[in-house]
Amino acid sequence: MTSSKKFTSVIEDLKQHIAAGSFRSEAEISHGVVKRILHELGWPVFDVHVVTPEFKIGTRKVDYALCHPPGKPSVLIEVKDLGKADGKGAKQLFEYCFHQGVPIAVLTDGRSWSFFFPAGKEAIKNGDLPGSTW
């Protein structure tokens, strides 16, 4: 199976599990959806210096920081319960990135994925991405 076919297969599998209610909490979405996708995209999910869970920003934490080089966040990911990836979470995540100089922020509830680019003040939501219909 080619990489794109395998990735498509993983996405279809996740869609079925989400529709069936298999992920009942933020933690289950984080481990069952987000980490699986990161792994499929080639991120070393078991290297905490690259995929840093509960990355501290002042007195707060964001669910994941994707660091490149290790220890320097390039992407922050905030995971929410299904249906809870809303404007409040987006604003908070956007502020984290802006103040830390992190160029990309991702807000997800496993079903919906929003990508923010704080420096450019733009956002891409899952419906705007080519080929993303989930």
N, C-alpha and C. Protein backbone atom coordinates (compact mmCIF):
# COMPACT_ATOMS: atom_id res chain seq x y z
N MET A 1 0.85 -1.18 0.00
CA MET A 1 0.00 0.00 0.00
C MET A 1 0.89 1.24 0.00
N THR A 2 0.60 2.21 -0.87
CA THR A 2 1.40 3.43 -0.91
C THR A 2 1.11 4.28 0.31
N SER A 3 1.99 5.23 0.56
CA SER A 3 1.83 6.09 1.74
C SER A 3 0.50 6.84 1.72
N SER A 4 0.13 7.41 0.59
CA SER A 4 -1.13 8.17 0.53
C SER A 4 -2.33 7.24 0.69
N LYS A 5 -2.25 6.03 0.14
CA LYS A 5 -3.35 5.08 0.32
C LYS A 5 -3.44 4.63 1.77
N LYS A 6 -2.30 4.42 2.41
CA LYS A 6 -2.30 4.02 3.81
C LYS A 6 -2.87 5.14 4.67
N PHE A 7 -2.46 6.37 4.40
CA PHE A 7 -2.96 7.51 5.17
C PHE A 7 -4.47 7.65 4.99
N THR A 8 -4.93 7.51 3.75
CA THR A 8 -6.36 7.58 3.48
C THR A 8 -7.10 6.48 4.24
N SER A 9 -6.52 5.31 4.29
CA SER A 9 -7.12 4.20 5.02
C SER A 9 -7.21 4.51 6.52
N VAL A 10 -6.16 5.10 7.07
CA VAL A 10 -6.16 5.49 8.48
C VAL A 10 -7.26 6.52 8.75
N ILE A 11 -7.36 7.50 7.87
CA ILE A 11 -8.39 8.55 8.03
C ILE A 11 -9.78 7.93 7.98
N GLU A 12 -10.01 7.03 7.04
CA GLU A 12 -11.32 6.37 6.95
C GLU A 12 -11.63 5.57 8.20
N ASP A 13 -10.62 4.88 8.73
CA ASP A 13 -10.78 4.11 9.96
C ASP A 13 -11.14 5.03 11.13
N LEU A 14 -10.44 6.15 11.23
CA LEU A 14 -10.72 7.11 12.30
C LEU A 14 -12.11 7.70 12.16
N LYS A 15 -12.52 8.01 10.94
CA LYS A 15 -13.87 8.54 10.72
C LYS A 15 -14.92 7.57 11.23
N GLN A 16 -14.73 6.30 10.95
CA GLN A 16 -15.69 5.28 11.41
C GLN A 16 -15.73 5.20 12.93
N HIS A 17 -14.56 5.24 13.56
CA HIS A 17 -14.49 5.17 15.02
C HIS A 17 -15.11 6.41 15.66
N ILE A 18 -14.88 7.57 15.07
CA ILE A 18 -15.48 8.80 15.60
C ILE A 18 -17.00 8.73 15.47
N ALA A 19 -17.48 8.31 14.30
CA ALA A 19 -18.93 8.20 14.08
C ALA A 19 -19.57 7.20 15.04
N ALA A 20 -18.83 6.15 15.40
CA ALA A 20 -19.35 5.12 16.30
C ALA A 20 -19.25 5.53 17.77
N GLY A 21 -18.65 6.69 18.04
CA GLY A 21 -18.53 7.17 19.41
C GLY A 21 -17.44 6.48 20.20
N SER A 22 -16.42 5.99 19.50
CA SER A 22 -15.34 5.26 20.16
C SER A 22 -14.44 6.14 21.02
N PHE A 23 -14.40 7.43 20.73
CA PHE A 23 -13.54 8.35 21.48
C PHE A 23 -14.44 9.21 22.35
N ARG A 24 -14.43 8.94 23.65
CA ARG A 24 -15.38 9.57 24.56
C ARG A 24 -14.81 10.72 25.36
N SER A 25 -13.53 11.01 25.22
CA SER A 25 -12.93 12.08 26.01
C SER A 25 -11.81 12.74 25.22
N GLU A 26 -11.39 13.87 25.73
CA GLU A 26 -10.26 14.58 25.13
C GLU A 26 -9.01 13.70 25.12
N ALA A 27 -8.77 12.98 26.20
CA ALA A 27 -7.60 12.10 26.28
C ALA A 27 -7.66 11.00 25.23
N GLU A 28 -8.84 10.42 25.02
CA GLU A 28 -8.98 9.37 24.02
C GLU A 28 -8.79 9.92 22.61
N ILE A 29 -9.28 11.11 22.35
CA ILE A 29 -9.07 11.75 21.05
C ILE A 29 -7.58 12.05 20.86
N SER A 30 -6.95 12.54 21.91
CA SER A 30 -5.53 12.87 21.86
C SER A 30 -4.68 11.65 21.50
N HIS A 31 -4.94 10.56 22.20
CA HIS A 31 -4.12 9.36 21.99
C HIS A 31 -4.58 8.54 20.79
N GLY A 32 -5.87 8.44 20.59
CA GLY A 32 -6.39 7.58 19.54
C GLY A 32 -6.46 8.20 18.16
N VAL A 33 -6.60 9.51 18.11
CA VAL A 33 -6.72 10.20 16.82
C VAL A 33 -5.47 11.01 16.52
N VAL A 34 -5.17 11.98 17.37
CA VAL A 34 -4.08 12.92 17.08
C VAL A 34 -2.73 12.20 16.99
N LYS A 35 -2.39 11.39 17.99
CA LYS A 35 -1.10 10.71 17.94
C LYS A 35 -1.01 9.74 16.77
N ARG A 36 -2.13 9.11 16.44
CA ARG A 36 -2.11 8.19 15.29
C ARG A 36 -1.85 8.95 13.99
N ILE A 37 -2.48 10.10 13.82
CA ILE A 37 -2.25 10.90 12.62
C ILE A 37 -0.81 11.42 12.58
N LEU A 38 -0.32 11.92 13.72
CA LEU A 38 1.06 12.40 13.77
C LEU A 38 2.03 11.28 13.39
N HIS A 39 1.78 10.09 13.91
CA HIS A 39 2.64 8.94 13.59
C HIS A 39 2.60 8.65 12.09
N GLU A 40 1.41 8.65 11.51
CA GLU A 40 1.27 8.38 10.07
C GLU A 40 1.95 9.46 9.23
N LEU A 41 2.01 10.67 9.76
CA LEU A 41 2.68 11.76 9.03
C LEU A 41 4.20 11.74 9.21
N GLY A 42 4.68 10.80 10.03
CA GLY A 42 6.12 10.65 10.19
C GLY A 42 6.71 11.31 11.42
N TRP A 43 5.88 11.87 12.28
CA TRP A 43 6.39 12.47 13.51
C TRP A 43 6.73 11.37 14.50
N PRO A 44 7.88 11.45 15.15
CA PRO A 44 8.28 10.43 16.13
C PRO A 44 7.53 10.63 17.45
N VAL A 45 6.33 10.08 17.54
CA VAL A 45 5.43 10.38 18.66
C VAL A 45 5.95 9.90 20.01
N PHE A 46 6.97 9.06 20.02
CA PHE A 46 7.52 8.59 21.29
C PHE A 46 8.78 9.35 21.71
N ASP A 47 9.18 10.33 20.91
CA ASP A 47 10.32 11.18 21.26
C ASP A 47 9.75 12.48 21.83
N VAL A 48 9.76 12.60 23.15
CA VAL A 48 9.12 13.75 23.81
C VAL A 48 9.86 15.06 23.59
N HIS A 49 11.03 15.02 22.98
CA HIS A 49 11.74 16.26 22.65
C HIS A 49 11.30 16.79 21.29
N VAL A 50 10.62 15.94 20.53
CA VAL A 50 10.11 16.33 19.21
C VAL A 50 8.59 16.50 19.25
N VAL A 51 7.89 15.52 19.80
CA VAL A 51 6.45 15.61 20.00
C VAL A 51 6.25 15.71 21.52
N THR A 52 6.22 16.95 21.99
CA THR A 52 6.20 17.21 23.42
C THR A 52 4.76 17.30 23.93
N PRO A 53 4.35 16.35 24.78
CA PRO A 53 3.00 16.44 25.33
C PRO A 53 2.95 17.45 26.48
N GLU A 54 1.78 18.07 26.64
CA GLU A 54 1.55 19.04 27.72
C GLU A 54 2.67 20.07 27.81
N PHE A 55 2.93 20.71 26.67
CA PHE A 55 3.97 21.73 26.55
C PHE A 55 3.58 22.96 27.37
N LYS A 56 4.46 23.36 28.27
CA LYS A 56 4.17 24.49 29.16
C LYS A 56 4.45 25.83 28.48
N ILE A 57 3.49 26.72 28.65
CA ILE A 57 3.62 28.10 28.21
C ILE A 57 3.22 28.95 29.40
N GLY A 58 4.20 29.43 30.11
CA GLY A 58 3.92 30.16 31.35
C GLY A 58 3.31 29.22 32.36
N THR A 59 2.12 29.56 32.83
CA THR A 59 1.43 28.71 33.80
C THR A 59 0.41 27.78 33.14
N ARG A 60 0.33 27.82 31.83
CA ARG A 60 -0.64 27.00 31.09
C ARG A 60 0.07 25.93 30.28
N LYS A 61 -0.73 25.02 29.73
CA LYS A 61 -0.18 23.94 28.91
C LYS A 61 -1.01 23.82 27.64
N VAL A 62 -0.31 23.45 26.57
CA VAL A 62 -0.99 23.10 25.32
C VAL A 62 -0.75 21.60 25.14
N ASP A 63 -1.69 20.90 24.52
CA ASP A 63 -1.62 19.44 24.47
C ASP A 63 -0.35 18.90 23.83
N TYR A 64 0.06 19.46 22.70
CA TYR A 64 1.29 19.01 22.05
C TYR A 64 2.03 20.19 21.44
N ALA A 65 3.34 20.09 21.48
CA ALA A 65 4.20 20.98 20.69
C ALA A 65 5.00 20.07 19.77
N LEU A 66 4.94 20.35 18.48
CA LEU A 66 5.77 19.64 17.52
C LEU A 66 7.03 20.48 17.34
N CYS A 67 8.14 19.91 17.72
CA CYS A 67 9.39 20.68 17.79
C CYS A 67 10.35 20.29 16.69
N HIS A 68 10.84 21.30 16.00
CA HIS A 68 11.87 21.12 14.97
C HIS A 68 12.67 22.40 14.90
N PRO A 69 13.92 22.35 15.35
CA PRO A 69 14.65 21.21 15.90
C PRO A 69 14.09 20.80 17.27
N PRO A 70 14.52 19.64 17.78
CA PRO A 70 14.01 19.17 19.07
C PRO A 70 14.11 20.26 20.14
N GLY A 71 13.00 20.43 20.88
CA GLY A 71 12.95 21.41 21.95
C GLY A 71 12.46 22.79 21.52
N LYS A 72 12.38 23.06 20.21
CA LYS A 72 11.92 24.37 19.71
C LYS A 72 10.59 24.16 18.98
N PRO A 73 9.49 24.61 19.59
CA PRO A 73 8.18 24.36 18.98
C PRO A 73 7.98 25.08 17.65
N SER A 74 7.49 24.32 16.67
CA SER A 74 7.12 24.86 15.36
C SER A 74 5.61 24.85 15.17
N VAL A 75 4.95 23.92 15.88
CA VAL A 75 3.51 23.77 15.78
C VAL A 75 2.98 23.48 17.19
N LEU A 76 1.89 24.15 17.56
CA LEU A 76 1.19 23.82 18.81
C LEU A 76 -0.15 23.20 18.44
N ILE A 77 -0.50 22.12 19.16
CA ILE A 77 -1.77 21.43 18.91
C ILE A 77 -2.57 21.41 20.20
N GLU A 78 -3.79 21.89 20.11
CA GLU A 78 -4.71 21.85 21.24
C GLU A 78 -5.85 20.89 20.87
N VAL A 79 -6.10 19.92 21.74
CA VAL A 79 -7.12 18.90 21.52
C VAL A 79 -8.29 19.18 22.45
N LYS A 80 -9.48 19.10 21.90
CA LYS A 80 -10.71 19.32 22.68
C LYS A 80 -11.62 18.11 22.53
N ASP A 81 -12.62 18.01 23.41
CA ASP A 81 -13.66 17.00 23.28
C ASP A 81 -14.43 17.23 21.98
N LEU A 82 -15.07 16.18 21.47
CA LEU A 82 -15.86 16.31 20.25
C LEU A 82 -16.87 17.45 20.40
N GLY A 83 -16.90 18.30 19.38
CA GLY A 83 -17.83 19.43 19.38
C GLY A 83 -17.39 20.62 20.21
N LYS A 84 -16.22 20.56 20.83
CA LYS A 84 -15.77 21.64 21.72
C LYS A 84 -14.62 22.47 21.16
N ALA A 85 -14.23 22.22 19.92
CA ALA A 85 -13.15 23.01 19.29
C ALA A 85 -13.77 24.30 18.77
N ASP A 86 -13.92 25.27 19.68
CA ASP A 86 -14.66 26.48 19.36
C ASP A 86 -13.77 27.72 19.36
N GLY A 87 -14.40 28.87 19.23
CA GLY A 87 -13.69 30.14 19.17
C GLY A 87 -12.86 30.44 20.40
N LYS A 88 -13.33 30.06 21.58
CA LYS A 88 -12.57 30.31 22.81
C LYS A 88 -11.24 29.57 22.78
N GLY A 89 -11.28 28.30 22.38
CA GLY A 89 -10.06 27.51 22.27
C GLY A 89 -9.12 28.05 21.21
N ALA A 90 -9.70 28.49 20.09
CA ALA A 90 -8.89 29.03 19.00
C ALA A 90 -8.19 30.32 19.44
N LYS A 91 -8.90 31.18 20.12
CA LYS A 91 -8.32 32.45 20.58
C LYS A 91 -7.16 32.19 21.54
N GLN A 92 -7.37 31.28 22.49
CA GLN A 92 -6.35 30.95 23.46
C GLN A 92 -5.10 30.37 22.76
N LEU A 93 -5.31 29.45 21.84
CA LEU A 93 -4.21 28.84 21.11
C LEU A 93 -3.47 29.86 20.25
N PHE A 94 -4.22 30.72 19.60
CA PHE A 94 -3.64 31.77 18.76
C PHE A 94 -2.73 32.68 19.60
N GLU A 95 -3.22 33.03 20.79
CA GLU A 95 -2.42 33.88 21.68
C GLU A 95 -1.14 33.18 22.13
N TYR A 96 -1.23 31.89 22.45
CA TYR A 96 -0.03 31.12 22.83
C TYR A 96 1.02 31.22 21.72
N CYS A 97 0.58 30.95 20.50
CA CYS A 97 1.51 30.95 19.36
C CYS A 97 2.09 32.33 19.12
N PHE A 98 1.24 33.32 19.15
CA PHE A 98 1.69 34.68 18.88
C PHE A 98 2.75 35.11 19.88
N HIS A 99 2.50 34.88 21.16
CA HIS A 99 3.43 35.31 22.21
C HIS A 99 4.70 34.47 22.27
N GLN A 100 4.63 33.23 21.81
CA GLN A 100 5.80 32.35 21.83
C GLN A 100 6.54 32.35 20.49
N GLY A 101 5.99 32.99 19.47
CA GLY A 101 6.63 33.02 18.17
C GLY A 101 6.53 31.70 17.43
N VAL A 102 5.51 30.90 17.73
CA VAL A 102 5.30 29.62 17.06
C VAL A 102 4.45 29.88 15.81
N PRO A 103 4.93 29.46 14.62
CA PRO A 103 4.26 29.85 13.39
C PRO A 103 2.94 29.16 13.07
N ILE A 104 2.67 27.97 13.64
CA ILE A 104 1.47 27.22 13.27
C ILE A 104 0.76 26.72 14.53
N ALA A 105 -0.56 26.86 14.52
CA ALA A 105 -1.39 26.34 15.61
C ALA A 105 -2.47 25.46 15.01
N VAL A 106 -2.77 24.37 15.70
CA VAL A 106 -3.81 23.45 15.25
C VAL A 106 -4.78 23.23 16.40
N LEU A 107 -6.06 23.40 16.12
CA LEU A 107 -7.11 23.14 17.09
C LEU A 107 -7.98 22.03 16.53
N THR A 108 -8.16 20.96 17.32
CA THR A 108 -8.94 19.83 16.83
C THR A 108 -9.76 19.18 17.92
N ASP A 109 -10.87 18.59 17.50
CA ASP A 109 -11.65 17.72 18.37
C ASP A 109 -11.64 16.30 17.79
N GLY A 110 -10.71 16.06 16.87
CA GLY A 110 -10.61 14.76 16.21
C GLY A 110 -11.38 14.72 14.91
N ARG A 111 -12.52 15.36 14.87
CA ARG A 111 -13.35 15.39 13.67
C ARG A 111 -13.08 16.66 12.86
N SER A 112 -12.99 17.77 13.56
CA SER A 112 -12.76 19.07 12.94
C SER A 112 -11.32 19.51 13.21
N TRP A 113 -10.66 20.00 12.17
CA TRP A 113 -9.26 20.45 12.30
C TRP A 113 -9.17 21.87 11.76
N SER A 114 -8.67 22.79 12.59
CA SER A 114 -8.45 24.16 12.16
C SER A 114 -6.98 24.48 12.31
N PHE A 115 -6.42 25.10 11.28
CA PHE A 115 -5.00 25.45 11.24
C PHE A 115 -4.89 26.97 11.23
N PHE A 116 -4.08 27.50 12.12
CA PHE A 116 -3.90 28.95 12.25
C PHE A 116 -2.44 29.31 12.04
N PHE A 117 -2.24 30.46 11.45
CA PHE A 117 -0.90 30.97 11.19
C PHE A 117 -0.83 32.36 11.81
N PRO A 118 -0.52 32.45 13.11
CA PRO A 118 -0.60 33.71 13.86
C PRO A 118 0.15 34.87 13.23
N ALA A 119 1.30 34.62 12.64
CA ALA A 119 2.06 35.72 12.06
C ALA A 119 1.30 36.35 10.90
N GLY A 120 0.58 35.50 10.12
CA GLY A 120 -0.16 36.00 8.97
C GLY A 120 -1.63 36.24 9.27
N LYS A 121 -2.08 35.92 10.50
CA LYS A 121 -3.46 36.12 10.92
C LYS A 121 -4.45 35.45 9.98
N GLU A 122 -4.11 34.24 9.52
CA GLU A 122 -5.00 33.49 8.64
C GLU A 122 -5.40 32.20 9.32
N ALA A 123 -6.43 31.61 8.83
CA ALA A 123 -6.87 30.31 9.33
C ALA A 123 -7.34 29.46 8.17
N ILE A 124 -7.10 28.17 8.27
CA ILE A 124 -7.62 27.21 7.31
C ILE A 124 -8.39 26.19 8.14
N LYS A 125 -9.63 25.97 7.78
CA LYS A 125 -10.42 24.96 8.48
C LYS A 125 -10.50 23.73 7.60
N ASN A 126 -10.88 22.60 8.18
CA ASN A 126 -10.82 21.34 7.46
C ASN A 126 -11.56 21.37 6.13
N GLY A 127 -12.63 22.09 6.01
CA GLY A 127 -13.35 22.15 4.74
C GLY A 127 -12.59 22.91 3.67
N ASP A 128 -11.58 23.68 4.05
CA ASP A 128 -10.81 24.46 3.10
C ASP A 128 -9.61 23.72 2.55
N LEU A 129 -9.28 22.59 3.16
CA LEU A 129 -8.10 21.85 2.73
C LEU A 129 -8.44 20.95 1.56
N PRO A 130 -7.59 20.93 0.53
CA PRO A 130 -7.87 20.06 -0.63
C PRO A 130 -8.00 18.61 -0.17
N GLY A 131 -9.08 17.97 -0.59
CA GLY A 131 -9.26 16.56 -0.30
C GLY A 131 -9.72 16.24 1.11
N SER A 132 -9.95 17.24 1.95
CA SER A 132 -10.37 16.94 3.32
C SER A 132 -11.88 17.07 3.40
N THR A 133 -12.54 15.96 3.51
CA THR A 133 -13.99 15.97 3.59
C THR A 133 -14.48 15.39 4.89
N TRP A 134 -13.62 15.31 5.87
CA TRP A 134 -14.05 14.74 7.16
C TRP A 134 -13.94 15.71 8.23
